[in-house]
Amino acid sequence: MKILITLTDTVEGNARNKEKVAESQGWDHIISCLGSDSSISEAAIDLLYELLQEQSGWNQYLCKKLSENRTAVCSLVALLKNPFNHSAEVAEKILMKLFELNEETIAIAANFGWYKPLVDRMIQGKKMDYFQVVTCLL
């Protein structure tokens, strides 16, 4: 929990420090806390959300970088399995942004048991690589 408090103090409102945390793989510590008990995972998800924000909204660079981290995507999907807590709401917001930037995260989420984004894409008629869709469903 100490690392989360330290990182929160470091990144809150400071764009330069956010990028430094991401570049130094500091979010590996945050991601590893997502699977902890509810108070720790809630602090971790809030910190991750703060890390991905900038003054004008989402930090596209950091979101794209996070979308390439399979462990992060799987950890966020795992938080969705308990929909009655704050962490699930924030995890879904983050994942939806990651899906916009990197379609491969949809496949990762589906492989981990969350099919909503894949089904939404199919219903909306958005193009997806057919091989990717089949891979998701297997």
N, C-alpha and C. Protein backbone atom coordinates (compact mmCIF):
# COMPACT_ATOMS: atom_id res chain seq x y z
N MET A 1 0.83 -1.19 0.00
CA MET A 1 0.00 0.00 0.00
C MET A 1 0.88 1.26 0.00
N LYS A 2 2.05 1.18 0.63
CA LYS A 2 2.95 2.34 0.67
C LYS A 2 3.34 2.80 -0.73
N ILE A 3 3.61 1.83 -1.62
CA ILE A 3 4.01 2.18 -2.98
C ILE A 3 2.89 2.93 -3.69
N LEU A 4 1.66 2.54 -3.45
CA LEU A 4 0.52 3.22 -4.08
C LEU A 4 0.40 4.66 -3.58
N ILE A 5 0.59 4.86 -2.29
CA ILE A 5 0.51 6.21 -1.72
C ILE A 5 1.62 7.08 -2.30
N THR A 6 2.82 6.52 -2.36
CA THR A 6 3.97 7.27 -2.90
C THR A 6 3.75 7.62 -4.37
N LEU A 7 3.31 6.65 -5.16
CA LEU A 7 3.07 6.92 -6.57
C LEU A 7 1.93 7.91 -6.79
N THR A 8 0.89 7.82 -5.97
CA THR A 8 -0.23 8.75 -6.07
C THR A 8 0.25 10.17 -5.82
N ASP A 9 1.02 10.35 -4.76
CA ASP A 9 1.57 11.68 -4.45
C ASP A 9 2.47 12.18 -5.57
N THR A 10 3.18 11.28 -6.22
CA THR A 10 4.11 11.64 -7.28
C THR A 10 3.41 12.09 -8.56
N VAL A 11 2.32 11.41 -8.93
CA VAL A 11 1.71 11.68 -10.24
C VAL A 11 0.52 12.64 -10.21
N GLU A 12 -0.09 12.81 -9.07
CA GLU A 12 -1.31 13.62 -9.01
C GLU A 12 -1.08 15.01 -9.59
N GLY A 13 -1.72 15.26 -10.75
CA GLY A 13 -1.65 16.56 -11.39
C GLY A 13 -0.31 16.91 -12.03
N ASN A 14 0.60 15.95 -12.15
CA ASN A 14 1.92 16.24 -12.69
C ASN A 14 2.18 15.37 -13.93
N ALA A 15 1.97 15.95 -15.10
CA ALA A 15 2.09 15.22 -16.36
C ALA A 15 3.49 14.63 -16.56
N ARG A 16 4.49 15.38 -16.21
CA ARG A 16 5.87 14.90 -16.40
C ARG A 16 6.13 13.66 -15.55
N ASN A 17 5.68 13.68 -14.30
CA ASN A 17 5.89 12.53 -13.42
C ASN A 17 5.08 11.32 -13.88
N LYS A 18 3.90 11.56 -14.46
CA LYS A 18 3.10 10.45 -14.99
C LYS A 18 3.87 9.71 -16.07
N GLU A 19 4.47 10.46 -16.98
CA GLU A 19 5.23 9.82 -18.04
C GLU A 19 6.46 9.10 -17.50
N LYS A 20 7.09 9.68 -16.49
CA LYS A 20 8.26 9.03 -15.89
C LYS A 20 7.85 7.70 -15.23
N VAL A 21 6.72 7.69 -14.54
CA VAL A 21 6.25 6.46 -13.91
C VAL A 21 5.99 5.40 -14.98
N ALA A 22 5.35 5.80 -16.07
CA ALA A 22 5.07 4.85 -17.15
C ALA A 22 6.35 4.36 -17.82
N GLU A 23 7.27 5.26 -18.10
CA GLU A 23 8.51 4.89 -18.77
C GLU A 23 9.37 3.96 -17.92
N SER A 24 9.30 4.13 -16.61
CA SER A 24 10.11 3.29 -15.73
C SER A 24 9.35 2.03 -15.31
N GLN A 25 8.26 1.77 -16.01
CA GLN A 25 7.41 0.61 -15.73
C GLN A 25 6.86 0.62 -14.30
N GLY A 26 6.67 1.81 -13.77
CA GLY A 26 6.10 1.96 -12.44
C GLY A 26 4.69 1.41 -12.35
N TRP A 27 4.01 1.35 -13.50
CA TRP A 27 2.65 0.83 -13.40
C TRP A 27 2.62 -0.68 -13.22
N ASP A 28 3.76 -1.35 -13.36
CA ASP A 28 3.81 -2.77 -13.02
C ASP A 28 3.46 -2.97 -11.55
N HIS A 29 3.91 -2.05 -10.70
CA HIS A 29 3.57 -2.11 -9.27
C HIS A 29 2.07 -1.88 -9.08
N ILE A 30 1.53 -0.95 -9.84
CA ILE A 30 0.10 -0.64 -9.73
C ILE A 30 -0.71 -1.85 -10.20
N ILE A 31 -0.35 -2.40 -11.34
CA ILE A 31 -1.08 -3.54 -11.91
C ILE A 31 -1.04 -4.73 -10.97
N SER A 32 0.09 -4.96 -10.33
CA SER A 32 0.19 -6.10 -9.41
C SER A 32 -0.73 -5.93 -8.20
N CYS A 33 -1.10 -4.70 -7.89
CA CYS A 33 -2.00 -4.44 -6.76
C CYS A 33 -3.47 -4.58 -7.13
N LEU A 34 -3.78 -4.66 -8.42
CA LEU A 34 -5.18 -4.75 -8.84
C LEU A 34 -5.85 -6.03 -8.35
N GLY A 35 -5.08 -7.08 -8.16
CA GLY A 35 -5.64 -8.34 -7.71
C GLY A 35 -5.66 -8.50 -6.20
N SER A 36 -5.33 -7.46 -5.48
CA SER A 36 -5.28 -7.52 -4.01
C SER A 36 -6.67 -7.35 -3.41
N ASP A 37 -6.72 -7.24 -2.07
CA ASP A 37 -8.02 -7.04 -1.42
C ASP A 37 -8.65 -5.74 -1.90
N SER A 38 -9.92 -5.55 -1.58
CA SER A 38 -10.69 -4.47 -2.19
C SER A 38 -10.13 -3.07 -1.94
N SER A 39 -9.63 -2.79 -0.76
CA SER A 39 -9.13 -1.44 -0.49
C SER A 39 -7.86 -1.15 -1.28
N ILE A 40 -7.00 -2.14 -1.40
CA ILE A 40 -5.76 -1.96 -2.17
C ILE A 40 -6.07 -1.89 -3.66
N SER A 41 -6.94 -2.77 -4.15
CA SER A 41 -7.27 -2.73 -5.58
C SER A 41 -8.00 -1.45 -5.94
N GLU A 42 -8.80 -0.92 -5.04
CA GLU A 42 -9.48 0.35 -5.30
C GLU A 42 -8.48 1.50 -5.39
N ALA A 43 -7.50 1.51 -4.50
CA ALA A 43 -6.45 2.54 -4.56
C ALA A 43 -5.64 2.39 -5.84
N ALA A 44 -5.37 1.15 -6.24
CA ALA A 44 -4.58 0.90 -7.44
C ALA A 44 -5.33 1.34 -8.70
N ILE A 45 -6.62 1.04 -8.79
CA ILE A 45 -7.38 1.41 -9.98
C ILE A 45 -7.54 2.92 -10.07
N ASP A 46 -7.73 3.57 -8.93
CA ASP A 46 -7.82 5.03 -8.93
C ASP A 46 -6.50 5.66 -9.38
N LEU A 47 -5.40 5.11 -8.93
CA LEU A 47 -4.08 5.60 -9.34
C LEU A 47 -3.86 5.37 -10.83
N LEU A 48 -4.22 4.20 -11.32
CA LEU A 48 -4.06 3.91 -12.73
C LEU A 48 -4.89 4.88 -13.58
N TYR A 49 -6.11 5.13 -13.14
CA TYR A 49 -6.97 6.09 -13.85
C TYR A 49 -6.33 7.48 -13.87
N GLU A 50 -5.83 7.91 -12.72
CA GLU A 50 -5.16 9.22 -12.63
C GLU A 50 -3.95 9.27 -13.55
N LEU A 51 -3.21 8.20 -13.61
CA LEU A 51 -2.03 8.13 -14.46
C LEU A 51 -2.38 8.30 -15.94
N LEU A 52 -3.54 7.82 -16.33
CA LEU A 52 -3.95 7.85 -17.73
C LEU A 52 -4.64 9.16 -18.14
N GLN A 53 -4.84 10.05 -17.18
CA GLN A 53 -5.52 11.32 -17.46
C GLN A 53 -4.52 12.44 -17.67
N GLU A 54 -4.93 13.41 -18.47
CA GLU A 54 -4.20 14.66 -18.62
C GLU A 54 -5.24 15.77 -18.62
N GLN A 55 -4.81 17.00 -18.72
CA GLN A 55 -5.73 18.13 -18.61
C GLN A 55 -6.88 18.06 -19.60
N SER A 56 -6.62 17.60 -20.81
CA SER A 56 -7.64 17.58 -21.85
C SER A 56 -8.41 16.26 -21.92
N GLY A 57 -8.17 15.35 -21.01
CA GLY A 57 -8.86 14.05 -21.04
C GLY A 57 -7.86 12.91 -20.91
N TRP A 58 -8.02 11.92 -21.76
CA TRP A 58 -7.15 10.75 -21.73
C TRP A 58 -5.79 11.07 -22.34
N ASN A 59 -4.74 10.55 -21.73
CA ASN A 59 -3.40 10.64 -22.28
C ASN A 59 -3.27 9.49 -23.29
N GLN A 60 -3.37 9.85 -24.57
CA GLN A 60 -3.40 8.85 -25.64
C GLN A 60 -2.13 7.98 -25.64
N TYR A 61 -1.00 8.60 -25.43
CA TYR A 61 0.26 7.86 -25.45
C TYR A 61 0.29 6.80 -24.36
N LEU A 62 -0.05 7.19 -23.13
CA LEU A 62 -0.01 6.23 -22.02
C LEU A 62 -1.09 5.17 -22.16
N CYS A 63 -2.25 5.56 -22.66
CA CYS A 63 -3.32 4.57 -22.87
C CYS A 63 -2.88 3.53 -23.90
N LYS A 64 -2.27 3.99 -24.98
CA LYS A 64 -1.80 3.07 -26.02
C LYS A 64 -0.74 2.13 -25.45
N LYS A 65 0.16 2.68 -24.67
CA LYS A 65 1.21 1.88 -24.05
C LYS A 65 0.61 0.82 -23.10
N LEU A 66 -0.39 1.22 -22.32
CA LEU A 66 -1.03 0.28 -21.40
C LEU A 66 -1.80 -0.79 -22.17
N SER A 67 -2.40 -0.41 -23.30
CA SER A 67 -3.18 -1.37 -24.09
C SER A 67 -2.31 -2.51 -24.62
N GLU A 68 -1.02 -2.31 -24.66
CA GLU A 68 -0.09 -3.32 -25.13
C GLU A 68 0.38 -4.25 -24.01
N ASN A 69 -0.10 -4.00 -22.81
CA ASN A 69 0.29 -4.79 -21.64
C ASN A 69 -0.81 -5.81 -21.33
N ARG A 70 -0.59 -7.05 -21.76
CA ARG A 70 -1.60 -8.12 -21.61
C ARG A 70 -1.99 -8.34 -20.15
N THR A 71 -1.02 -8.30 -19.26
CA THR A 71 -1.29 -8.50 -17.84
C THR A 71 -2.23 -7.42 -17.31
N ALA A 72 -2.02 -6.20 -17.74
CA ALA A 72 -2.87 -5.09 -17.31
C ALA A 72 -4.30 -5.31 -17.76
N VAL A 73 -4.46 -5.67 -19.04
CA VAL A 73 -5.81 -5.89 -19.57
C VAL A 73 -6.50 -7.02 -18.81
N CYS A 74 -5.80 -8.11 -18.58
CA CYS A 74 -6.38 -9.24 -17.85
C CYS A 74 -6.74 -8.85 -16.42
N SER A 75 -5.90 -8.07 -15.77
CA SER A 75 -6.19 -7.63 -14.40
C SER A 75 -7.41 -6.72 -14.36
N LEU A 76 -7.55 -5.85 -15.35
CA LEU A 76 -8.72 -4.97 -15.40
C LEU A 76 -9.99 -5.78 -15.65
N VAL A 77 -9.91 -6.76 -16.53
CA VAL A 77 -11.07 -7.63 -16.78
C VAL A 77 -11.45 -8.38 -15.51
N ALA A 78 -10.47 -8.84 -14.77
CA ALA A 78 -10.75 -9.56 -13.52
C ALA A 78 -11.52 -8.68 -12.54
N LEU A 79 -11.23 -7.39 -12.51
CA LEU A 79 -11.97 -6.48 -11.63
C LEU A 79 -13.43 -6.36 -12.01
N LEU A 80 -13.74 -6.58 -13.28
CA LEU A 80 -15.12 -6.49 -13.74
C LEU A 80 -16.00 -7.62 -13.21
N LYS A 81 -15.38 -8.67 -12.76
CA LYS A 81 -16.14 -9.83 -12.29
C LYS A 81 -16.86 -9.56 -10.98
N ASN A 82 -16.52 -8.46 -10.32
CA ASN A 82 -17.24 -8.03 -9.11
C ASN A 82 -17.85 -6.66 -9.43
N PRO A 83 -19.03 -6.68 -10.08
CA PRO A 83 -19.60 -5.43 -10.58
C PRO A 83 -20.18 -4.51 -9.50
N PHE A 84 -20.14 -4.91 -8.25
CA PHE A 84 -20.76 -4.12 -7.19
C PHE A 84 -19.77 -3.25 -6.44
N ASN A 85 -18.65 -2.96 -7.05
CA ASN A 85 -17.70 -2.07 -6.38
C ASN A 85 -17.22 -0.98 -7.34
N HIS A 86 -16.65 0.02 -6.78
CA HIS A 86 -16.14 1.18 -7.52
C HIS A 86 -15.08 0.76 -8.54
N SER A 87 -14.28 -0.20 -8.21
CA SER A 87 -13.18 -0.62 -9.07
C SER A 87 -13.67 -1.14 -10.42
N ALA A 88 -14.80 -1.83 -10.42
CA ALA A 88 -15.34 -2.37 -11.66
C ALA A 88 -15.73 -1.26 -12.63
N GLU A 89 -16.34 -0.21 -12.11
CA GLU A 89 -16.74 0.94 -12.95
C GLU A 89 -15.52 1.59 -13.60
N VAL A 90 -14.51 1.84 -12.81
CA VAL A 90 -13.30 2.51 -13.31
C VAL A 90 -12.56 1.59 -14.27
N ALA A 91 -12.50 0.30 -13.95
CA ALA A 91 -11.84 -0.66 -14.84
C ALA A 91 -12.53 -0.68 -16.20
N GLU A 92 -13.85 -0.64 -16.22
CA GLU A 92 -14.56 -0.65 -17.49
C GLU A 92 -14.28 0.63 -18.30
N LYS A 93 -14.23 1.78 -17.63
CA LYS A 93 -13.91 3.03 -18.33
C LYS A 93 -12.53 2.93 -18.99
N ILE A 94 -11.57 2.42 -18.24
CA ILE A 94 -10.20 2.30 -18.77
C ILE A 94 -10.18 1.32 -19.94
N LEU A 95 -10.81 0.16 -19.76
CA LEU A 95 -10.81 -0.83 -20.82
C LEU A 95 -11.47 -0.31 -22.10
N MET A 96 -12.57 0.39 -21.96
CA MET A 96 -13.25 0.91 -23.14
C MET A 96 -12.33 1.87 -23.91
N LYS A 97 -11.55 2.66 -23.20
CA LYS A 97 -10.59 3.55 -23.87
C LYS A 97 -9.50 2.73 -24.55
N LEU A 98 -9.01 1.70 -23.87
CA LEU A 98 -7.97 0.87 -24.46
C LEU A 98 -8.47 0.18 -25.72
N PHE A 99 -9.74 -0.23 -25.74
CA PHE A 99 -10.32 -0.90 -26.90
C PHE A 99 -10.36 0.05 -28.11
N GLU A 100 -10.61 1.33 -27.85
CA GLU A 100 -10.63 2.32 -28.93
C GLU A 100 -9.27 2.42 -29.60
N LEU A 101 -8.22 2.29 -28.83
CA LEU A 101 -6.87 2.51 -29.33
C LEU A 101 -6.19 1.26 -29.87
N ASN A 102 -6.64 0.10 -29.42
CA ASN A 102 -5.94 -1.12 -29.79
C ASN A 102 -6.94 -2.28 -29.80
N GLU A 103 -7.35 -2.70 -31.00
CA GLU A 103 -8.34 -3.77 -31.12
C GLU A 103 -7.88 -5.09 -30.50
N GLU A 104 -6.59 -5.29 -30.41
CA GLU A 104 -6.09 -6.53 -29.83
C GLU A 104 -6.51 -6.70 -28.38
N THR A 105 -6.76 -5.58 -27.71
CA THR A 105 -7.20 -5.69 -26.31
C THR A 105 -8.59 -6.31 -26.23
N ILE A 106 -9.39 -6.17 -27.28
CA ILE A 106 -10.71 -6.82 -27.32
C ILE A 106 -10.53 -8.33 -27.31
N ALA A 107 -9.58 -8.81 -28.09
CA ALA A 107 -9.29 -10.25 -28.12
C ALA A 107 -8.79 -10.74 -26.78
N ILE A 108 -7.93 -9.97 -26.15
CA ILE A 108 -7.41 -10.35 -24.84
C ILE A 108 -8.55 -10.44 -23.83
N ALA A 109 -9.43 -9.44 -23.83
CA ALA A 109 -10.57 -9.44 -22.91
C ALA A 109 -11.48 -10.64 -23.16
N ALA A 110 -11.73 -10.95 -24.43
CA ALA A 110 -12.58 -12.10 -24.76
C ALA A 110 -11.92 -13.40 -24.32
N ASN A 111 -10.63 -13.51 -24.52
CA ASN A 111 -9.92 -14.72 -24.08
C ASN A 111 -9.97 -14.88 -22.57
N PHE A 112 -10.15 -13.77 -21.87
CA PHE A 112 -10.22 -13.80 -20.42
C PHE A 112 -11.67 -13.85 -19.92
N GLY A 113 -12.62 -13.97 -20.85
CA GLY A 113 -14.01 -14.20 -20.46
C GLY A 113 -14.93 -13.00 -20.48
N TRP A 114 -14.49 -11.86 -21.04
CA TRP A 114 -15.38 -10.70 -21.13
C TRP A 114 -15.63 -10.43 -22.61
N TYR A 115 -16.84 -10.79 -23.07
CA TYR A 115 -17.18 -10.75 -24.48
C TYR A 115 -17.94 -9.50 -24.90
N LYS A 116 -18.35 -8.66 -23.97
CA LYS A 116 -19.17 -7.50 -24.29
C LYS A 116 -18.55 -6.63 -25.39
N PRO A 117 -17.29 -6.24 -25.31
CA PRO A 117 -16.73 -5.39 -26.36
C PRO A 117 -16.71 -6.07 -27.73
N LEU A 118 -16.45 -7.37 -27.74
CA LEU A 118 -16.42 -8.12 -29.00
C LEU A 118 -17.82 -8.14 -29.61
N VAL A 119 -18.81 -8.44 -28.80
CA VAL A 119 -20.20 -8.48 -29.27
C VAL A 119 -20.64 -7.09 -29.73
N ASP A 120 -20.30 -6.07 -28.96
CA ASP A 120 -20.65 -4.69 -29.34
C ASP A 120 -20.07 -4.35 -30.72
N ARG A 121 -18.82 -4.72 -30.94
CA ARG A 121 -18.19 -4.44 -32.24
C ARG A 121 -18.93 -5.15 -33.36
N MET A 122 -19.32 -6.38 -33.12
CA MET A 122 -20.01 -7.15 -34.15
C MET A 122 -21.40 -6.56 -34.43
N ILE A 123 -22.11 -6.15 -33.39
CA ILE A 123 -23.44 -5.56 -33.55
C ILE A 123 -23.35 -4.23 -34.29
N GLN A 124 -22.37 -3.43 -33.96
CA GLN A 124 -22.20 -2.13 -34.60
C GLN A 124 -21.70 -2.25 -36.04
N GLY A 125 -21.28 -3.43 -36.40
CA GLY A 125 -20.81 -3.64 -37.76
C GLY A 125 -19.42 -3.09 -38.03
N LYS A 126 -18.68 -2.81 -36.97
CA LYS A 126 -17.32 -2.31 -37.17
C LYS A 126 -16.43 -3.44 -37.66
N LYS A 127 -15.56 -3.09 -38.57
CA LYS A 127 -14.68 -4.10 -39.14
C LYS A 127 -13.70 -4.61 -38.11
N MET A 128 -13.58 -5.91 -38.12
CA MET A 128 -12.56 -6.58 -37.30
C MET A 128 -11.98 -7.68 -38.16
N ASP A 129 -10.76 -7.98 -37.94
CA ASP A 129 -10.11 -9.08 -38.63
C ASP A 129 -10.84 -10.37 -38.26
N TYR A 130 -11.33 -11.11 -39.28
CA TYR A 130 -12.09 -12.33 -39.02
C TYR A 130 -11.27 -13.36 -38.25
N PHE A 131 -10.01 -13.43 -38.53
CA PHE A 131 -9.13 -14.34 -37.80
C PHE A 131 -9.11 -13.97 -36.31
N GLN A 132 -9.10 -12.69 -36.04
CA GLN A 132 -9.09 -12.22 -34.67
C GLN A 132 -10.40 -12.59 -33.95
N VAL A 133 -11.52 -12.46 -34.65
CA VAL A 133 -12.82 -12.81 -34.07
C VAL A 133 -12.85 -14.31 -33.76
N VAL A 134 -12.42 -15.13 -34.69
CA VAL A 134 -12.41 -16.58 -34.47
C VAL A 134 -11.50 -16.92 -33.29
N THR A 135 -10.35 -16.29 -33.23
CA THR A 135 -9.42 -16.52 -32.12
C THR A 135 -10.07 -16.17 -30.79
N CYS A 136 -10.83 -15.10 -30.75
CA CYS A 136 -11.51 -14.68 -29.53
C CYS A 136 -12.53 -15.71 -29.07
N LEU A 137 -13.20 -16.31 -30.04
CA LEU A 137 -14.28 -17.23 -29.70
C LEU A 137 -13.83 -18.64 -29.38
N LEU A 138 -12.61 -18.97 -29.71
CA LEU A 138 -12.10 -20.32 -29.42
C LEU A 138 -11.60 -20.45 -28.03
